[in-house]
Each structure stands twice: as structure tokens, then as C-alpha cells.
Amino acid sequence: MKYLNVILVSLLLLSGCDEESVSYSNHNDYLPLHVGNRWKFKYTHLPENTGYLFKEVTGVITINDQQYYVVESGSANPEEVVDHVTYYRITRQGYVYIMNENDTKEENQFRLNGDHGDNWSYQNEGDDEVSIQLSEVTVQLGNTTLEHCKLYSYDVLQWADEETNTTFARGIGFVKMSGSWGFETELTSAIIDGEEVDF
């Protein structure tokens, strides 16, 4: 009987080892994903009254037995309009898998536990090769200096002028986004776990 109990306990523990639950997504400081978390960005190259961009975690969805956080993105000028829906999940290793609303293939765009200089590649939805480069940077938002931020540079090798950069800060998540076609945004405020932060 003693051995049977040990076997049952071992089986229960092992059965949970491979489960990539949505709960891992809210335990990484660099990308806190909880329903209600929200980020608001300004355009750095345009006047203040131009409007703003936003991202918000609005729910949880299950696709192919994997649970994802639903992140709605959009712009406001002056009213908010959602124009993009993306699904995010984070593994125990800190790998962030992203899938756009109408896609069928995940992309590993971010590795939150990675180090400065790390790089990796993968095939995207269209079977083009994507290259990601990770850099550790310092970000200045207003009077606030954020150190040890993680900048991810995204490049599809077969395309021209599609490069993008996304920067995360510990405890906040998204702080900067930019693209090779000239746009750059930075965080002006965020709601993280019910707490509002302004920059």
C-alpha cells in the first residue's frame, strides 16, 4: 500500500509537468499578462494631440489544447478602435508564443529569460524565415529610467522594410515599439494588476 501511494503521488506530479497552462503567463515580470492589464503609448514623432495606441489583455482563449491570453491592440483619435487581436502564452522557460487572430501557427517572438546577445530563428505563418535578436537596454520614459529592459529585434529575412523592435521592462511589460517604416511609440501609462503607472 505504501508503494501504491508513492506511485500515485508520482503520477499526479508528473501529469502536471508537461502542462503549459495560461497561469505561467502571469508569473513573468517582463510581460505581466492578467485580464485588465493595459498599456497606452504615444507617437514619439508626432504632436501630442495626434492620438495614441493601446494594448489590453481582455480575456483567455483555448486553441489546440493551449490556453492563451487575448491581447487587443488599437488606436484612438479620439475614440478607441481595436484593429488587431493577438493571442499570447508564456511557457515555464519564459518563451512567449504569439498567434494572430486569423493565423494557425505560433511564433516564438520573445524569450523573456534570455540574455543580451541571444538570437534565434523560426519559420513564420508564411514559411518565411524570421530572425530575432535580444539586447539588454536602458529606457528613459519621461523622468523615469528603466534599466535591464529587453529589446527584441524582429526581421523576416526574405522581406524588405518590415523590421520591428519591441522593448519590455520588468514589472511593466511593453514600453517601446518601433518599425523600419518610421513609426516609434513609447509608453505613457499602464494599468498592471489594478495599479496605474504614469510616465
N, C-alpha and C. Protein backbone atom coordinates (compact mmCIF):
# COMPACT_ATOMS: atom_id res chain seq x y z
N MET A 1 0.82 -1.20 0.00
CA MET A 1 0.00 0.00 0.00
C MET A 1 0.86 1.25 0.00
N LYS A 2 1.96 1.20 0.75
CA LYS A 2 2.87 2.34 0.82
C LYS A 2 3.44 2.64 -0.57
N TYR A 3 3.81 1.59 -1.31
CA TYR A 3 4.37 1.78 -2.64
C TYR A 3 3.32 2.29 -3.61
N LEU A 4 2.08 1.84 -3.45
CA LEU A 4 0.99 2.30 -4.31
C LEU A 4 0.77 3.80 -4.13
N ASN A 5 0.81 4.27 -2.88
CA ASN A 5 0.65 5.71 -2.62
C ASN A 5 1.77 6.52 -3.26
N VAL A 6 2.99 6.02 -3.17
CA VAL A 6 4.14 6.71 -3.78
C VAL A 6 3.96 6.79 -5.29
N ILE A 7 3.51 5.70 -5.90
CA ILE A 7 3.29 5.68 -7.35
C ILE A 7 2.21 6.66 -7.74
N LEU A 8 1.10 6.69 -6.99
CA LEU A 8 0.00 7.60 -7.31
C LEU A 8 0.43 9.06 -7.20
N VAL A 9 1.16 9.38 -6.13
CA VAL A 9 1.65 10.75 -5.97
C VAL A 9 2.59 11.12 -7.11
N SER A 10 3.48 10.19 -7.48
CA SER A 10 4.43 10.45 -8.57
C SER A 10 3.70 10.70 -9.87
N LEU A 11 2.66 9.90 -10.15
CA LEU A 11 1.90 10.08 -11.37
C LEU A 11 1.19 11.43 -11.40
N LEU A 12 0.65 11.83 -10.27
CA LEU A 12 -0.01 13.13 -10.20
C LEU A 12 0.97 14.27 -10.46
N LEU A 13 2.15 14.18 -9.89
CA LEU A 13 3.16 15.21 -10.10
C LEU A 13 3.62 15.26 -11.54
N LEU A 14 3.86 14.09 -12.12
CA LEU A 14 4.33 14.04 -13.50
C LEU A 14 3.28 14.51 -14.48
N SER A 15 2.03 14.25 -14.18
CA SER A 15 0.97 14.63 -15.11
C SER A 15 0.89 16.13 -15.29
N GLY A 16 1.34 16.89 -14.30
CA GLY A 16 1.32 18.34 -14.41
C GLY A 16 2.58 18.91 -15.02
N CYS A 17 3.61 18.12 -15.24
CA CYS A 17 4.89 18.66 -15.67
C CYS A 17 4.87 19.17 -17.10
N ASP A 18 4.05 18.57 -17.97
CA ASP A 18 4.05 18.98 -19.36
C ASP A 18 2.95 19.97 -19.69
N GLU A 19 2.13 20.28 -18.72
CA GLU A 19 1.01 21.18 -19.00
C GLU A 19 1.52 22.60 -19.08
N GLU A 20 1.30 23.24 -20.22
CA GLU A 20 1.68 24.64 -20.40
C GLU A 20 0.44 25.49 -20.16
N SER A 21 0.11 25.70 -18.92
CA SER A 21 -1.11 26.40 -18.55
C SER A 21 -0.95 27.90 -18.74
N VAL A 22 -2.08 28.56 -18.93
CA VAL A 22 -2.08 30.02 -19.05
C VAL A 22 -1.53 30.67 -17.78
N SER A 23 -1.54 29.94 -16.66
CA SER A 23 -1.06 30.52 -15.40
C SER A 23 0.40 30.93 -15.48
N TYR A 24 1.20 30.28 -16.33
CA TYR A 24 2.61 30.67 -16.44
C TYR A 24 2.73 32.08 -17.01
N SER A 25 1.72 32.50 -17.77
CA SER A 25 1.78 33.81 -18.41
C SER A 25 1.70 34.95 -17.42
N ASN A 26 1.19 34.71 -16.22
CA ASN A 26 1.13 35.83 -15.29
C ASN A 26 2.18 35.71 -14.20
N HIS A 27 3.25 34.98 -14.46
CA HIS A 27 4.33 34.86 -13.49
C HIS A 27 5.66 35.32 -14.07
N ASN A 28 5.63 36.12 -15.14
CA ASN A 28 6.88 36.61 -15.69
C ASN A 28 6.86 38.13 -15.64
N ASP A 29 7.82 38.71 -14.94
CA ASP A 29 7.84 40.16 -14.71
C ASP A 29 7.93 40.97 -15.99
N TYR A 30 8.59 40.42 -17.01
CA TYR A 30 8.79 41.20 -18.23
C TYR A 30 7.55 41.31 -19.11
N LEU A 31 6.59 40.45 -18.91
CA LEU A 31 5.34 40.55 -19.68
C LEU A 31 4.18 40.08 -18.80
N PRO A 32 3.74 40.94 -17.88
CA PRO A 32 2.66 40.55 -16.98
C PRO A 32 1.32 40.51 -17.72
N LEU A 33 0.82 39.33 -17.91
CA LEU A 33 -0.44 39.15 -18.63
C LEU A 33 -1.53 38.73 -17.66
N HIS A 34 -2.34 39.68 -17.26
CA HIS A 34 -3.54 39.42 -16.49
C HIS A 34 -4.68 40.14 -17.20
N VAL A 35 -5.86 39.57 -17.16
CA VAL A 35 -7.01 40.24 -17.77
C VAL A 35 -7.18 41.59 -17.09
N GLY A 36 -7.29 42.64 -17.89
CA GLY A 36 -7.41 44.01 -17.37
C GLY A 36 -6.13 44.81 -17.47
N ASN A 37 -5.00 44.15 -17.63
CA ASN A 37 -3.75 44.90 -17.82
C ASN A 37 -3.82 45.66 -19.13
N ARG A 38 -3.27 46.88 -19.10
CA ARG A 38 -3.45 47.77 -20.26
C ARG A 38 -2.23 48.68 -20.39
N TRP A 39 -1.84 48.97 -21.64
CA TRP A 39 -0.71 49.83 -21.94
C TRP A 39 -1.15 50.90 -22.93
N LYS A 40 -0.75 52.14 -22.70
CA LYS A 40 -1.11 53.25 -23.58
C LYS A 40 0.18 53.92 -24.06
N PHE A 41 0.27 54.16 -25.37
CA PHE A 41 1.51 54.65 -25.98
C PHE A 41 1.26 55.94 -26.75
N LYS A 42 2.29 56.78 -26.79
CA LYS A 42 2.24 57.96 -27.65
C LYS A 42 3.18 57.76 -28.83
N TYR A 43 2.89 58.48 -29.92
CA TYR A 43 3.81 58.52 -31.06
C TYR A 43 4.92 59.50 -30.71
N THR A 44 6.17 59.08 -30.82
CA THR A 44 7.26 59.96 -30.41
C THR A 44 7.57 61.03 -31.46
N HIS A 45 7.14 60.83 -32.71
CA HIS A 45 7.49 61.75 -33.78
C HIS A 45 6.33 62.63 -34.23
N LEU A 46 5.20 62.56 -33.50
CA LEU A 46 4.03 63.33 -33.88
C LEU A 46 3.57 64.20 -32.72
N PRO A 47 2.80 65.26 -32.98
CA PRO A 47 2.30 66.12 -31.90
C PRO A 47 1.46 65.34 -30.90
N GLU A 48 1.39 65.86 -29.67
CA GLU A 48 0.67 65.19 -28.57
C GLU A 48 -0.79 64.91 -28.91
N ASN A 49 -1.43 65.80 -29.67
CA ASN A 49 -2.87 65.65 -29.95
C ASN A 49 -3.16 64.72 -31.12
N THR A 50 -2.16 63.97 -31.57
CA THR A 50 -2.33 63.07 -32.71
C THR A 50 -3.14 61.83 -32.34
N GLY A 51 -3.23 61.51 -31.09
CA GLY A 51 -3.89 60.28 -30.65
C GLY A 51 -2.90 59.36 -29.98
N TYR A 52 -3.30 58.14 -29.75
CA TYR A 52 -2.43 57.19 -29.07
C TYR A 52 -2.74 55.77 -29.52
N LEU A 53 -1.85 54.87 -29.18
CA LEU A 53 -2.04 53.43 -29.39
C LEU A 53 -2.26 52.78 -28.04
N PHE A 54 -2.86 51.59 -28.06
CA PHE A 54 -3.08 50.88 -26.80
C PHE A 54 -3.04 49.38 -27.02
N LYS A 55 -2.76 48.67 -25.94
CA LYS A 55 -2.88 47.22 -25.87
C LYS A 55 -3.60 46.89 -24.57
N GLU A 56 -4.46 45.88 -24.61
CA GLU A 56 -5.18 45.48 -23.40
C GLU A 56 -5.43 43.99 -23.40
N VAL A 57 -5.19 43.36 -22.24
CA VAL A 57 -5.50 41.94 -22.07
C VAL A 57 -6.98 41.84 -21.74
N THR A 58 -7.75 41.20 -22.63
CA THR A 58 -9.21 41.22 -22.49
C THR A 58 -9.83 39.88 -22.14
N GLY A 59 -9.05 38.79 -22.19
CA GLY A 59 -9.64 37.50 -21.87
C GLY A 59 -8.66 36.36 -22.05
N VAL A 60 -9.19 35.16 -21.96
CA VAL A 60 -8.41 33.93 -22.13
C VAL A 60 -9.15 33.06 -23.13
N ILE A 61 -8.39 32.39 -24.00
CA ILE A 61 -8.99 31.54 -25.01
C ILE A 61 -8.18 30.25 -25.11
N THR A 62 -8.85 29.15 -25.45
CA THR A 62 -8.16 27.87 -25.65
C THR A 62 -8.17 27.53 -27.14
N ILE A 63 -6.97 27.26 -27.67
CA ILE A 63 -6.81 26.88 -29.08
C ILE A 63 -5.88 25.67 -29.12
N ASN A 64 -6.32 24.60 -29.77
CA ASN A 64 -5.50 23.39 -29.89
C ASN A 64 -4.96 22.93 -28.53
N ASP A 65 -5.82 22.94 -27.54
CA ASP A 65 -5.50 22.50 -26.18
C ASP A 65 -4.46 23.38 -25.47
N GLN A 66 -4.19 24.56 -26.02
CA GLN A 66 -3.30 25.52 -25.36
C GLN A 66 -4.12 26.73 -24.94
N GLN A 67 -3.82 27.26 -23.76
CA GLN A 67 -4.52 28.46 -23.30
C GLN A 67 -3.68 29.70 -23.58
N TYR A 68 -4.34 30.72 -24.08
CA TYR A 68 -3.69 31.98 -24.44
C TYR A 68 -4.42 33.15 -23.78
N TYR A 69 -3.66 34.22 -23.53
CA TYR A 69 -4.28 35.48 -23.19
C TYR A 69 -4.61 36.22 -24.49
N VAL A 70 -5.77 36.84 -24.51
CA VAL A 70 -6.21 37.62 -25.67
C VAL A 70 -5.77 39.07 -25.46
N VAL A 71 -4.97 39.59 -26.38
CA VAL A 71 -4.50 40.97 -26.30
C VAL A 71 -5.05 41.74 -27.49
N GLU A 72 -5.87 42.74 -27.18
CA GLU A 72 -6.43 43.60 -28.23
C GLU A 72 -5.56 44.85 -28.36
N SER A 73 -5.27 45.22 -29.60
CA SER A 73 -4.46 46.41 -29.88
C SER A 73 -5.25 47.34 -30.78
N GLY A 74 -4.97 48.62 -30.64
CA GLY A 74 -5.67 49.57 -31.49
C GLY A 74 -5.15 50.97 -31.32
N SER A 75 -5.91 51.92 -31.85
CA SER A 75 -5.53 53.32 -31.79
C SER A 75 -6.73 54.16 -31.40
N ALA A 76 -6.46 55.39 -31.01
CA ALA A 76 -7.52 56.31 -30.61
C ALA A 76 -7.21 57.69 -31.14
N ASN A 77 -8.20 58.30 -31.80
CA ASN A 77 -8.04 59.67 -32.29
C ASN A 77 -9.40 60.25 -32.69
N PRO A 78 -10.27 60.61 -31.76
CA PRO A 78 -10.09 60.47 -30.31
C PRO A 78 -10.65 59.16 -29.75
N GLU A 79 -11.55 58.48 -30.49
CA GLU A 79 -12.19 57.29 -29.94
C GLU A 79 -11.34 56.05 -30.21
N GLU A 80 -11.35 55.12 -29.26
CA GLU A 80 -10.56 53.90 -29.40
C GLU A 80 -11.20 52.93 -30.39
N VAL A 81 -10.35 52.37 -31.24
CA VAL A 81 -10.77 51.38 -32.21
C VAL A 81 -9.81 50.20 -32.14
N VAL A 82 -10.33 49.01 -31.90
CA VAL A 82 -9.49 47.81 -31.89
C VAL A 82 -9.29 47.37 -33.34
N ASP A 83 -8.01 47.21 -33.75
CA ASP A 83 -7.75 46.80 -35.12
C ASP A 83 -6.90 45.54 -35.22
N HIS A 84 -6.56 44.96 -34.06
CA HIS A 84 -5.71 43.77 -34.11
C HIS A 84 -5.92 42.95 -32.83
N VAL A 85 -6.07 41.64 -32.99
CA VAL A 85 -6.20 40.74 -31.85
C VAL A 85 -5.11 39.68 -31.94
N THR A 86 -4.36 39.52 -30.84
CA THR A 86 -3.24 38.59 -30.80
C THR A 86 -3.37 37.71 -29.57
N TYR A 87 -2.97 36.45 -29.71
CA TYR A 87 -3.02 35.50 -28.59
C TYR A 87 -1.60 35.26 -28.08
N TYR A 88 -1.42 35.34 -26.76
CA TYR A 88 -0.11 35.18 -26.13
C TYR A 88 -0.15 34.05 -25.11
N ARG A 89 0.91 33.25 -25.09
CA ARG A 89 1.11 32.31 -23.98
C ARG A 89 2.60 32.29 -23.65
N ILE A 90 2.91 32.04 -22.38
CA ILE A 90 4.30 32.02 -21.92
C ILE A 90 4.55 30.68 -21.24
N THR A 91 5.64 30.02 -21.63
CA THR A 91 5.98 28.73 -21.05
C THR A 91 6.79 28.91 -19.77
N ARG A 92 7.04 27.81 -19.08
CA ARG A 92 7.87 27.85 -17.87
C ARG A 92 9.25 28.43 -18.15
N GLN A 93 9.76 28.21 -19.36
CA GLN A 93 11.10 28.70 -19.73
C GLN A 93 11.10 30.18 -20.08
N GLY A 94 9.92 30.81 -20.08
CA GLY A 94 9.85 32.22 -20.44
C GLY A 94 9.72 32.45 -21.93
N TYR A 95 9.47 31.40 -22.70
CA TYR A 95 9.26 31.56 -24.14
C TYR A 95 7.84 32.11 -24.35
N VAL A 96 7.74 33.18 -25.13
CA VAL A 96 6.44 33.77 -25.45
C VAL A 96 6.04 33.31 -26.84
N TYR A 97 4.92 32.61 -26.92
CA TYR A 97 4.37 32.18 -28.21
C TYR A 97 3.19 33.06 -28.54
N ILE A 98 3.20 33.59 -29.76
CA ILE A 98 2.20 34.54 -30.21
C ILE A 98 1.52 34.00 -31.46
N MET A 99 0.22 34.22 -31.53
CA MET A 99 -0.52 33.83 -32.73
C MET A 99 -1.55 34.91 -33.02
N ASN A 100 -1.54 35.42 -34.25
CA ASN A 100 -2.54 36.40 -34.64
C ASN A 100 -3.90 35.73 -34.78
N GLU A 101 -4.93 36.51 -34.66
CA GLU A 101 -6.30 36.00 -34.58
C GLU A 101 -6.64 35.05 -35.73
N ASN A 102 -6.21 35.34 -36.93
CA ASN A 102 -6.60 34.51 -38.08
C ASN A 102 -5.51 33.55 -38.54
N ASP A 103 -4.44 33.42 -37.75
CA ASP A 103 -3.35 32.52 -38.11
C ASP A 103 -3.56 31.14 -37.48
N THR A 104 -2.77 30.19 -37.93
CA THR A 104 -2.84 28.83 -37.39
C THR A 104 -1.51 28.38 -36.79
N LYS A 105 -0.50 29.24 -36.89
CA LYS A 105 0.85 28.87 -36.46
C LYS A 105 1.36 29.88 -35.43
N GLU A 106 1.92 29.35 -34.33
CA GLU A 106 2.52 30.20 -33.30
C GLU A 106 3.90 30.71 -33.76
N GLU A 107 4.29 31.85 -33.20
CA GLU A 107 5.65 32.35 -33.39
C GLU A 107 6.28 32.61 -32.04
N ASN A 108 7.52 32.17 -31.86
CA ASN A 108 8.26 32.38 -30.61
C ASN A 108 9.04 33.69 -30.72
N GLN A 109 8.34 34.81 -30.62
CA GLN A 109 8.97 36.11 -30.84
C GLN A 109 9.81 36.59 -29.66
N PHE A 110 9.49 36.15 -28.45
CA PHE A 110 10.20 36.65 -27.28
C PHE A 110 10.64 35.50 -26.38
N ARG A 111 11.81 35.66 -25.77
CA ARG A 111 12.31 34.73 -24.76
C ARG A 111 12.67 35.59 -23.54
N LEU A 112 11.76 35.63 -22.60
CA LEU A 112 11.86 36.60 -21.51
C LEU A 112 13.00 36.32 -20.55
N ASN A 113 13.46 35.08 -20.49
CA ASN A 113 14.59 34.74 -19.61
C ASN A 113 15.91 34.74 -20.37
N GLY A 114 15.87 35.21 -21.61
CA GLY A 114 17.08 35.23 -22.43
C GLY A 114 18.07 36.29 -21.98
N ASP A 115 19.27 36.22 -22.54
CA ASP A 115 20.36 37.13 -22.19
C ASP A 115 20.72 38.02 -23.36
N HIS A 116 21.37 39.13 -23.05
CA HIS A 116 21.88 40.04 -24.07
C HIS A 116 22.71 39.28 -25.11
N GLY A 117 22.39 39.48 -26.38
CA GLY A 117 23.13 38.82 -27.45
C GLY A 117 22.50 37.54 -27.94
N ASP A 118 21.50 37.02 -27.24
CA ASP A 118 20.82 35.80 -27.72
C ASP A 118 20.14 36.08 -29.05
N ASN A 119 20.11 35.07 -29.90
CA ASN A 119 19.36 35.17 -31.15
C ASN A 119 18.82 33.81 -31.54
N TRP A 120 17.74 33.80 -32.25
CA TRP A 120 17.12 32.56 -32.69
C TRP A 120 16.31 32.84 -33.95
N SER A 121 15.88 31.79 -34.62
CA SER A 121 15.09 31.95 -35.83
C SER A 121 14.03 30.85 -35.90
N TYR A 122 13.04 31.07 -36.74
CA TYR A 122 11.95 30.11 -36.92
C TYR A 122 11.22 30.44 -38.21
N GLN A 123 10.33 29.56 -38.63
CA GLN A 123 9.51 29.78 -39.81
C GLN A 123 8.18 30.39 -39.38
N ASN A 124 7.76 31.45 -40.04
CA ASN A 124 6.51 32.10 -39.68
C ASN A 124 5.32 31.45 -40.40
N GLU A 125 4.15 32.06 -40.28
CA GLU A 125 2.92 31.54 -40.88
C GLU A 125 3.05 31.31 -42.38
N GLY A 126 3.81 32.19 -43.05
CA GLY A 126 4.00 32.07 -44.49
C GLY A 126 5.23 31.28 -44.88
N ASP A 127 5.85 30.57 -43.91
CA ASP A 127 7.05 29.76 -44.11
C ASP A 127 8.27 30.59 -44.50
N ASP A 128 8.26 31.87 -44.17
CA ASP A 128 9.46 32.70 -44.33
C ASP A 128 10.28 32.60 -43.04
N GLU A 129 11.60 32.82 -43.17
CA GLU A 129 12.46 32.71 -42.00
C GLU A 129 12.51 34.02 -41.23
N VAL A 130 12.23 33.93 -39.94
CA VAL A 130 12.26 35.08 -39.04
C VAL A 130 13.49 34.98 -38.16
N SER A 131 14.19 36.10 -37.99
CA SER A 131 15.34 36.16 -37.11
C SER A 131 15.03 37.13 -35.96
N ILE A 132 15.34 36.71 -34.74
CA ILE A 132 15.12 37.55 -33.55
C ILE A 132 16.46 37.76 -32.86
N GLN A 133 16.73 39.02 -32.49
CA GLN A 133 17.94 39.37 -31.76
C GLN A 133 17.52 40.03 -30.45
N LEU A 134 18.09 39.59 -29.32
CA LEU A 134 17.76 40.14 -28.00
C LEU A 134 18.91 41.01 -27.49
N SER A 135 18.57 42.21 -27.04
CA SER A 135 19.55 43.13 -26.47
C SER A 135 19.03 43.63 -25.13
N GLU A 136 19.94 43.85 -24.17
CA GLU A 136 19.56 44.49 -22.92
C GLU A 136 19.85 45.97 -23.02
N VAL A 137 18.84 46.80 -22.72
CA VAL A 137 18.97 48.24 -22.91
C VAL A 137 18.42 48.99 -21.71
N THR A 138 18.73 50.28 -21.63
CA THR A 138 18.13 51.19 -20.66
C THR A 138 17.16 52.09 -21.40
N VAL A 139 15.97 52.28 -20.84
CA VAL A 139 14.94 53.09 -21.48
C VAL A 139 14.60 54.26 -20.57
N GLN A 140 14.49 55.45 -21.18
CA GLN A 140 14.08 56.65 -20.45
C GLN A 140 12.65 56.99 -20.85
N LEU A 141 11.74 56.98 -19.91
CA LEU A 141 10.36 57.40 -20.14
C LEU A 141 10.08 58.60 -19.24
N GLY A 142 10.01 59.78 -19.83
CA GLY A 142 9.84 60.99 -19.03
C GLY A 142 11.00 61.13 -18.07
N ASN A 143 10.70 61.21 -16.77
CA ASN A 143 11.74 61.33 -15.74
C ASN A 143 12.13 59.98 -15.15
N THR A 144 11.61 58.90 -15.72
CA THR A 144 11.85 57.56 -15.17
C THR A 144 12.86 56.81 -16.03
N THR A 145 13.89 56.29 -15.38
CA THR A 145 14.89 55.47 -16.07
C THR A 145 14.62 54.00 -15.75
N LEU A 146 14.46 53.21 -16.77
CA LEU A 146 14.19 51.77 -16.62
C LEU A 146 15.41 51.00 -17.11
N GLU A 147 16.07 50.31 -16.20
CA GLU A 147 17.27 49.56 -16.55
C GLU A 147 16.93 48.09 -16.80
N HIS A 148 17.84 47.42 -17.46
CA HIS A 148 17.74 45.98 -17.75
C HIS A 148 16.47 45.65 -18.54
N CYS A 149 16.10 46.55 -19.45
CA CYS A 149 14.98 46.28 -20.34
C CYS A 149 15.43 45.31 -21.43
N LYS A 150 14.46 44.62 -22.03
CA LYS A 150 14.77 43.64 -23.07
C LYS A 150 14.18 44.10 -24.40
N LEU A 151 15.09 44.34 -25.35
CA LEU A 151 14.74 44.80 -26.69
C LEU A 151 14.83 43.63 -27.65
N TYR A 152 13.72 43.33 -28.34
CA TYR A 152 13.66 42.24 -29.31
C TYR A 152 13.54 42.82 -30.71
N SER A 153 14.53 42.52 -31.55
CA SER A 153 14.52 42.98 -32.94
C SER A 153 14.06 41.85 -33.84
N TYR A 154 13.01 42.11 -34.60
CA TYR A 154 12.33 41.11 -35.43
C TYR A 154 12.62 41.41 -36.89
N ASP A 155 13.06 40.40 -37.64
CA ASP A 155 13.39 40.60 -39.06
C ASP A 155 12.99 39.36 -39.85
N VAL A 156 12.17 39.56 -40.87
CA VAL A 156 11.86 38.48 -41.81
C VAL A 156 12.89 38.58 -42.93
N LEU A 157 13.72 37.56 -43.06
CA LEU A 157 14.90 37.65 -43.93
C LEU A 157 14.54 37.83 -45.40
N GLN A 158 13.40 37.30 -45.84
CA GLN A 158 13.02 37.39 -47.25
C GLN A 158 12.30 38.70 -47.59
N TRP A 159 12.00 39.53 -46.60
CA TRP A 159 11.25 40.76 -46.84
C TRP A 159 12.14 41.98 -46.67
N ALA A 160 11.68 43.09 -47.20
CA ALA A 160 12.37 44.37 -47.01
C ALA A 160 11.47 45.30 -46.21
N ASP A 161 12.08 46.10 -45.35
CA ASP A 161 11.38 47.16 -44.61
C ASP A 161 10.25 46.66 -43.72
N GLU A 162 10.42 45.50 -43.11
CA GLU A 162 9.40 45.01 -42.18
C GLU A 162 9.94 44.87 -40.76
N GLU A 163 11.19 45.28 -40.55
CA GLU A 163 11.81 45.09 -39.23
C GLU A 163 11.04 45.86 -38.15
N THR A 164 10.88 45.22 -37.01
CA THR A 164 10.24 45.88 -35.88
C THR A 164 11.06 45.63 -34.62
N ASN A 165 10.87 46.51 -33.63
CA ASN A 165 11.52 46.38 -32.33
C ASN A 165 10.46 46.50 -31.25
N THR A 166 10.53 45.62 -30.26
CA THR A 166 9.63 45.66 -29.11
C THR A 166 10.48 45.58 -27.86
N THR A 167 10.23 46.50 -26.91
CA THR A 167 11.01 46.54 -25.68
C THR A 167 10.11 46.33 -24.48
N PHE A 168 10.55 45.44 -23.56
CA PHE A 168 9.83 45.17 -22.33
C PHE A 168 10.65 45.65 -21.14
N ALA A 169 9.94 46.13 -20.10
CA ALA A 169 10.58 46.49 -18.83
C ALA A 169 10.02 45.60 -17.74
N ARG A 170 10.88 45.26 -16.79
CA ARG A 170 10.46 44.40 -15.67
C ARG A 170 9.35 45.06 -14.87
N GLY A 171 8.31 44.29 -14.60
CA GLY A 171 7.19 44.78 -13.81
C GLY A 171 6.17 45.59 -14.58
N ILE A 172 6.47 45.88 -15.86
CA ILE A 172 5.59 46.73 -16.66
C ILE A 172 5.12 46.02 -17.93
N GLY A 173 6.06 45.39 -18.65
CA GLY A 173 5.73 44.80 -19.95
C GLY A 173 6.15 45.74 -21.06
N PHE A 174 5.25 45.96 -22.03
CA PHE A 174 5.56 46.78 -23.20
C PHE A 174 5.93 48.21 -22.80
N VAL A 175 7.09 48.70 -23.29
CA VAL A 175 7.44 50.10 -23.04
C VAL A 175 7.76 50.86 -24.32
N LYS A 176 8.24 50.16 -25.35
CA LYS A 176 8.54 50.83 -26.62
C LYS A 176 8.28 49.88 -27.77
N MET A 177 7.82 50.46 -28.90
CA MET A 177 7.66 49.70 -30.14
C MET A 177 8.06 50.60 -31.29
N SER A 178 8.72 50.02 -32.29
CA SER A 178 9.11 50.81 -33.45
C SER A 178 9.21 49.91 -34.67
N GLY A 179 9.19 50.55 -35.84
CA GLY A 179 9.29 49.80 -37.09
C GLY A 179 10.16 50.53 -38.08
N SER A 180 10.66 49.80 -39.08
CA SER A 180 11.58 50.39 -40.04
C SER A 180 10.90 51.40 -40.95
N TRP A 181 9.56 51.38 -41.00
CA TRP A 181 8.85 52.34 -41.86
C TRP A 181 8.62 53.68 -41.16
N GLY A 182 9.22 53.89 -40.00
CA GLY A 182 9.25 55.22 -39.43
C GLY A 182 8.46 55.45 -38.17
N PHE A 183 7.60 54.53 -37.75
CA PHE A 183 6.84 54.81 -36.54
C PHE A 183 7.64 54.41 -35.30
N GLU A 184 7.45 55.18 -34.25
CA GLU A 184 8.02 54.81 -32.96
C GLU A 184 7.05 55.26 -31.88
N THR A 185 6.78 54.36 -30.94
CA THR A 185 5.88 54.70 -29.84
C THR A 185 6.57 54.38 -28.52
N GLU A 186 6.16 55.11 -27.48
CA GLU A 186 6.65 54.79 -26.14
C GLU A 186 5.50 54.90 -25.15
N LEU A 187 5.65 54.18 -24.06
CA LEU A 187 4.61 54.06 -23.06
C LEU A 187 4.40 55.38 -22.31
N THR A 188 3.13 55.76 -22.15
CA THR A 188 2.81 56.94 -21.34
C THR A 188 2.11 56.54 -20.04
N SER A 189 1.38 55.41 -20.06
CA SER A 189 0.73 54.95 -18.84
C SER A 189 0.40 53.47 -18.98
N ALA A 190 0.21 52.82 -17.85
CA ALA A 190 -0.13 51.40 -17.85
C ALA A 190 -0.96 51.10 -16.62
N ILE A 191 -1.81 50.08 -16.76
CA ILE A 191 -2.52 49.52 -15.61
C ILE A 191 -2.04 48.08 -15.48
N ILE A 192 -1.32 47.77 -14.44
CA ILE A 192 -0.76 46.45 -14.21
C ILE A 192 -1.31 45.91 -12.88
N ASP A 193 -2.06 44.85 -12.98
CA ASP A 193 -2.68 44.23 -11.78
C ASP A 193 -3.47 45.24 -10.96
N GLY A 194 -4.18 46.13 -11.67
CA GLY A 194 -5.03 47.10 -10.98
C GLY A 194 -4.34 48.38 -10.56
N GLU A 195 -3.02 48.43 -10.67
CA GLU A 195 -2.25 49.62 -10.29
C GLU A 195 -1.92 50.45 -11.53
N GLU A 196 -2.24 51.73 -11.49
CA GLU A 196 -1.94 52.60 -12.62
C GLU A 196 -0.58 53.26 -12.46
N VAL A 197 0.19 53.28 -13.54
CA VAL A 197 1.53 53.88 -13.55
C VAL A 197 1.56 54.88 -14.69
N ASP A 198 2.04 56.09 -14.41
CA ASP A 198 2.16 57.14 -15.44
C ASP A 198 3.63 57.50 -15.63
N PHE A 199 3.96 57.89 -16.87
CA PHE A 199 5.34 58.28 -17.19
C PHE A 199 5.34 59.66 -17.84
